[in-house]
């Protein structure tokens, strides 16, 4: 997986490309844990995410909960493959989708 991170004030924008699964979820989790001082909003661009597993969903849920009291986690450009997973798991009701 390739993660492109851009910091804009209190907003962290992350574009994910490839697969978010058990072998790559730790990379995203580490980035979110180590680089979030002063961050109040996280925006994930999933236009090029090909696959998401339960490990990836766990990271999204953890991040959503972490930022719930602030501006939150926003997920944009969700492709059909990932949206199908969100629908089947109920994440389309949990996450803020743009």
N, C-alpha and C. Protein backbone atom coordinates (compact mmCIF):
# COMPACT_ATOMS: atom_id res chain seq x y z
N UNK A 1 0.85 -1.17 0.00
CA UNK A 1 0.00 0.00 0.00
C UNK A 1 0.89 1.23 0.00
N UNK A 2 0.44 2.24 -0.70
CA UNK A 2 1.12 3.52 -0.74
C UNK A 2 0.22 4.54 -0.05
N UNK A 3 0.79 5.27 0.91
CA UNK A 3 0.04 6.30 1.62
C UNK A 3 0.68 7.65 1.30
N UNK A 4 -0.14 8.56 0.80
CA UNK A 4 0.32 9.92 0.55
C UNK A 4 -0.33 10.80 1.60
N UNK A 5 0.50 11.43 2.43
CA UNK A 5 0.01 12.25 3.54
C UNK A 5 0.29 13.72 3.28
N UNK A 6 -0.72 14.54 3.55
CA UNK A 6 -0.60 15.99 3.43
C UNK A 6 -1.19 16.60 4.68
N UNK A 7 -0.44 17.48 5.30
CA UNK A 7 -0.92 18.17 6.51
C UNK A 7 -1.30 19.59 6.13
N UNK A 8 -2.52 19.98 6.51
CA UNK A 8 -3.02 21.32 6.21
C UNK A 8 -3.61 21.89 7.49
N UNK A 9 -2.78 22.57 8.28
CA UNK A 9 -3.24 23.08 9.56
C UNK A 9 -3.59 21.94 10.49
N UNK A 10 -4.84 21.92 10.96
CA UNK A 10 -5.27 20.86 11.87
C UNK A 10 -5.89 19.67 11.13
N UNK A 11 -5.75 19.63 9.81
CA UNK A 11 -6.31 18.55 9.00
C UNK A 11 -5.20 17.70 8.41
N UNK A 12 -5.37 16.38 8.51
CA UNK A 12 -4.45 15.43 7.92
C UNK A 12 -5.18 14.72 6.79
N UNK A 13 -4.69 14.87 5.58
CA UNK A 13 -5.27 14.23 4.40
C UNK A 13 -4.39 13.04 4.01
N UNK A 14 -5.03 11.88 3.88
CA UNK A 14 -4.31 10.67 3.50
C UNK A 14 -4.97 10.04 2.28
N UNK A 15 -4.19 9.80 1.25
CA UNK A 15 -4.67 9.08 0.07
C UNK A 15 -4.07 7.68 0.13
N UNK A 16 -4.92 6.67 0.07
CA UNK A 16 -4.47 5.28 0.15
C UNK A 16 -4.56 4.63 -1.22
N UNK A 17 -3.49 3.92 -1.60
CA UNK A 17 -3.46 3.23 -2.88
C UNK A 17 -3.01 1.79 -2.64
N UNK A 18 -3.78 0.84 -3.15
CA UNK A 18 -3.42 -0.56 -3.00
C UNK A 18 -4.39 -1.31 -2.11
N UNK A 19 -3.85 -2.12 -1.22
CA UNK A 19 -4.65 -2.98 -0.34
C UNK A 19 -4.43 -2.60 1.12
N UNK A 20 -5.53 -2.43 1.84
CA UNK A 20 -5.46 -2.19 3.29
C UNK A 20 -5.90 -3.48 3.96
N UNK A 21 -4.92 -4.27 4.36
CA UNK A 21 -5.20 -5.58 4.95
C UNK A 21 -4.24 -5.83 6.11
N UNK A 22 -4.19 -7.06 6.58
CA UNK A 22 -3.38 -7.36 7.77
C UNK A 22 -1.90 -7.07 7.57
N UNK A 23 -1.42 -7.12 6.35
CA UNK A 23 0.00 -6.86 6.11
C UNK A 23 0.32 -5.37 5.96
N UNK A 24 -0.68 -4.52 5.78
CA UNK A 24 -0.43 -3.08 5.59
C UNK A 24 -1.11 -2.20 6.62
N UNK A 25 -2.04 -2.74 7.39
CA UNK A 25 -2.80 -1.94 8.35
C UNK A 25 -1.90 -1.31 9.41
N UNK A 26 -0.86 -2.02 9.82
CA UNK A 26 0.04 -1.49 10.84
C UNK A 26 0.72 -0.21 10.38
N UNK A 27 1.06 -0.13 9.10
CA UNK A 27 1.68 1.07 8.54
C UNK A 27 0.76 2.28 8.69
N UNK A 28 -0.51 2.11 8.36
CA UNK A 28 -1.48 3.20 8.50
C UNK A 28 -1.70 3.53 9.98
N UNK A 29 -1.80 2.53 10.81
CA UNK A 29 -2.01 2.75 12.24
C UNK A 29 -0.84 3.53 12.85
N UNK A 30 0.36 3.16 12.49
CA UNK A 30 1.56 3.86 12.99
C UNK A 30 1.56 5.31 12.55
N UNK A 31 1.25 5.55 11.29
CA UNK A 31 1.20 6.92 10.78
C UNK A 31 0.16 7.74 11.54
N UNK A 32 -0.99 7.16 11.80
CA UNK A 32 -2.06 7.87 12.50
C UNK A 32 -1.73 8.08 13.98
N UNK A 33 -0.97 7.19 14.57
CA UNK A 33 -0.61 7.33 15.97
C UNK A 33 0.54 8.31 16.19
N UNK A 34 1.47 8.37 15.24
CA UNK A 34 2.67 9.16 15.43
C UNK A 34 2.61 10.58 14.87
N UNK A 35 1.75 10.84 13.94
CA UNK A 35 1.78 12.12 13.23
C UNK A 35 0.49 12.92 13.40
N UNK A 36 -0.10 12.85 14.58
CA UNK A 36 -1.41 13.48 14.70
C UNK A 36 -1.47 14.56 15.78
N UNK A 37 -0.33 15.03 16.25
CA UNK A 37 -0.36 16.11 17.24
C UNK A 37 -0.98 17.35 16.60
N UNK A 38 -2.02 17.87 17.23
CA UNK A 38 -2.72 19.04 16.72
C UNK A 38 -3.75 18.76 15.63
N UNK A 39 -3.86 17.51 15.21
CA UNK A 39 -4.83 17.14 14.18
C UNK A 39 -6.21 17.02 14.80
N UNK A 40 -7.19 17.64 14.18
CA UNK A 40 -8.58 17.54 14.63
C UNK A 40 -9.47 16.88 13.59
N UNK A 41 -8.96 16.73 12.38
CA UNK A 41 -9.75 16.13 11.31
C UNK A 41 -8.81 15.29 10.43
N UNK A 42 -9.27 14.09 10.12
CA UNK A 42 -8.54 13.20 9.22
C UNK A 42 -9.44 12.94 8.02
N UNK A 43 -8.90 13.15 6.82
CA UNK A 43 -9.63 12.89 5.59
C UNK A 43 -8.91 11.77 4.84
N UNK A 44 -9.63 10.68 4.59
CA UNK A 44 -9.08 9.56 3.84
C UNK A 44 -9.65 9.55 2.43
N UNK A 45 -8.78 9.57 1.45
CA UNK A 45 -9.18 9.46 0.05
C UNK A 45 -8.96 8.01 -0.37
N UNK A 46 -10.04 7.31 -0.65
CA UNK A 46 -9.95 5.88 -0.97
C UNK A 46 -10.17 5.58 -2.45
N UNK A 47 -9.99 6.58 -3.31
CA UNK A 47 -10.23 6.39 -4.74
C UNK A 47 -9.40 5.25 -5.32
N UNK A 48 -8.19 5.06 -4.82
CA UNK A 48 -7.30 4.04 -5.37
C UNK A 48 -7.08 2.86 -4.42
N UNK A 49 -7.94 2.73 -3.42
CA UNK A 49 -7.87 1.58 -2.53
C UNK A 49 -8.57 0.40 -3.20
N UNK A 50 -7.85 -0.67 -3.42
CA UNK A 50 -8.37 -1.82 -4.15
C UNK A 50 -9.10 -2.83 -3.27
N UNK A 51 -8.75 -2.84 -1.97
CA UNK A 51 -9.28 -3.87 -1.08
C UNK A 51 -9.14 -3.40 0.35
N UNK A 52 -10.10 -3.76 1.20
CA UNK A 52 -10.00 -3.48 2.62
C UNK A 52 -10.46 -4.72 3.38
N UNK A 53 -9.67 -5.13 4.36
CA UNK A 53 -10.00 -6.30 5.18
C UNK A 53 -10.49 -5.85 6.54
N UNK A 54 -10.77 -6.81 7.39
CA UNK A 54 -11.21 -6.48 8.75
C UNK A 54 -10.14 -5.72 9.51
N UNK A 55 -8.88 -5.96 9.21
CA UNK A 55 -7.79 -5.21 9.85
C UNK A 55 -7.86 -3.74 9.47
N UNK A 56 -8.16 -3.47 8.22
CA UNK A 56 -8.31 -2.09 7.77
C UNK A 56 -9.54 -1.44 8.37
N UNK A 57 -10.62 -2.18 8.47
CA UNK A 57 -11.84 -1.65 9.08
C UNK A 57 -11.60 -1.29 10.55
N UNK A 58 -10.81 -2.11 11.23
CA UNK A 58 -10.49 -1.84 12.63
C UNK A 58 -9.76 -0.50 12.78
N UNK A 59 -8.83 -0.22 11.88
CA UNK A 59 -8.10 1.05 11.92
C UNK A 59 -9.05 2.21 11.67
N UNK A 60 -9.96 2.06 10.73
CA UNK A 60 -10.92 3.13 10.44
C UNK A 60 -11.82 3.38 11.65
N UNK A 61 -12.28 2.32 12.28
CA UNK A 61 -13.14 2.47 13.46
C UNK A 61 -12.39 3.14 14.61
N UNK A 62 -11.17 2.71 14.84
CA UNK A 62 -10.34 3.31 15.90
C UNK A 62 -10.13 4.80 15.63
N UNK A 63 -9.84 5.15 14.39
CA UNK A 63 -9.61 6.55 14.03
C UNK A 63 -10.88 7.36 14.15
N UNK A 64 -12.00 6.79 13.73
CA UNK A 64 -13.28 7.47 13.84
C UNK A 64 -13.60 7.79 15.30
N UNK A 65 -13.36 6.84 16.17
CA UNK A 65 -13.61 7.06 17.60
C UNK A 65 -12.67 8.09 18.19
N UNK A 66 -11.41 8.06 17.78
CA UNK A 66 -10.40 8.99 18.30
C UNK A 66 -10.77 10.44 17.98
N UNK A 67 -11.31 10.68 16.80
CA UNK A 67 -11.60 12.05 16.36
C UNK A 67 -13.07 12.43 16.47
N UNK A 68 -13.88 11.60 17.08
CA UNK A 68 -15.32 11.84 17.18
C UNK A 68 -15.65 13.14 17.90
N UNK A 69 -14.89 13.48 18.91
CA UNK A 69 -15.17 14.70 19.69
C UNK A 69 -14.65 15.95 18.98
N UNK A 70 -13.90 15.78 17.91
CA UNK A 70 -13.36 16.91 17.16
C UNK A 70 -14.10 16.99 15.83
N UNK A 71 -13.38 17.29 14.77
CA UNK A 71 -14.00 17.40 13.45
C UNK A 71 -14.19 16.05 12.78
N UNK A 72 -13.56 15.03 13.32
CA UNK A 72 -13.85 13.67 12.89
C UNK A 72 -13.00 13.11 11.77
N UNK A 73 -13.36 11.89 11.41
CA UNK A 73 -12.78 11.18 10.28
C UNK A 73 -13.76 11.31 9.12
N UNK A 74 -13.25 11.74 7.98
CA UNK A 74 -14.06 11.87 6.77
C UNK A 74 -13.45 10.97 5.70
N UNK A 75 -14.29 10.20 5.04
CA UNK A 75 -13.84 9.27 4.01
C UNK A 75 -14.45 9.71 2.69
N UNK A 76 -13.60 9.89 1.68
CA UNK A 76 -14.11 10.37 0.40
C UNK A 76 -13.63 9.48 -0.74
N UNK A 77 -14.29 9.62 -1.87
CA UNK A 77 -13.95 8.90 -3.10
C UNK A 77 -13.91 7.39 -2.91
N UNK A 78 -14.91 6.86 -2.23
CA UNK A 78 -14.96 5.42 -1.98
C UNK A 78 -15.42 4.72 -3.25
N UNK A 79 -14.59 3.80 -3.74
CA UNK A 79 -14.96 3.07 -4.96
C UNK A 79 -15.96 1.97 -4.62
N UNK A 80 -16.51 1.34 -5.62
CA UNK A 80 -17.57 0.34 -5.42
C UNK A 80 -17.11 -0.89 -4.65
N UNK A 81 -15.89 -1.33 -4.88
CA UNK A 81 -15.38 -2.51 -4.18
C UNK A 81 -15.35 -2.26 -2.67
N UNK A 82 -14.79 -1.14 -2.27
CA UNK A 82 -14.70 -0.80 -0.85
C UNK A 82 -16.08 -0.46 -0.30
N UNK A 83 -16.91 0.22 -1.09
CA UNK A 83 -18.26 0.57 -0.64
C UNK A 83 -19.08 -0.68 -0.37
N UNK A 84 -18.89 -1.72 -1.16
CA UNK A 84 -19.60 -2.98 -0.91
C UNK A 84 -19.23 -3.54 0.47
N UNK A 85 -17.96 -3.46 0.82
CA UNK A 85 -17.51 -3.92 2.15
C UNK A 85 -18.14 -3.05 3.23
N UNK A 86 -18.15 -1.73 3.02
CA UNK A 86 -18.76 -0.82 3.99
C UNK A 86 -20.23 -1.14 4.19
N UNK A 87 -20.93 -1.41 3.10
CA UNK A 87 -22.37 -1.73 3.19
C UNK A 87 -22.61 -3.05 3.92
N UNK A 88 -21.83 -4.05 3.60
CA UNK A 88 -22.00 -5.37 4.21
C UNK A 88 -21.70 -5.36 5.70
N UNK A 89 -20.79 -4.49 6.13
CA UNK A 89 -20.37 -4.45 7.53
C UNK A 89 -21.07 -3.36 8.33
N UNK A 90 -21.84 -2.51 7.66
CA UNK A 90 -22.52 -1.41 8.34
C UNK A 90 -21.65 -0.18 8.52
N UNK A 91 -20.45 -0.20 7.97
CA UNK A 91 -19.56 0.95 8.10
C UNK A 91 -20.07 2.16 7.32
N UNK A 92 -20.95 1.94 6.36
CA UNK A 92 -21.52 3.07 5.63
C UNK A 92 -22.42 3.90 6.55
N UNK A 93 -22.89 3.31 7.64
CA UNK A 93 -23.69 4.03 8.62
C UNK A 93 -22.84 4.62 9.74
N UNK A 94 -21.66 4.09 9.93
CA UNK A 94 -20.78 4.53 11.02
C UNK A 94 -19.90 5.71 10.59
N UNK A 95 -19.32 5.59 9.41
CA UNK A 95 -18.35 6.59 8.95
C UNK A 95 -19.02 7.79 8.28
N UNK A 96 -18.32 8.91 8.28
CA UNK A 96 -18.76 10.09 7.53
C UNK A 96 -18.21 9.95 6.12
N UNK A 97 -19.08 9.63 5.17
CA UNK A 97 -18.69 9.42 3.78
C UNK A 97 -19.01 10.65 2.95
N UNK A 98 -18.05 11.05 2.15
CA UNK A 98 -18.26 12.21 1.27
C UNK A 98 -18.27 11.75 -0.18
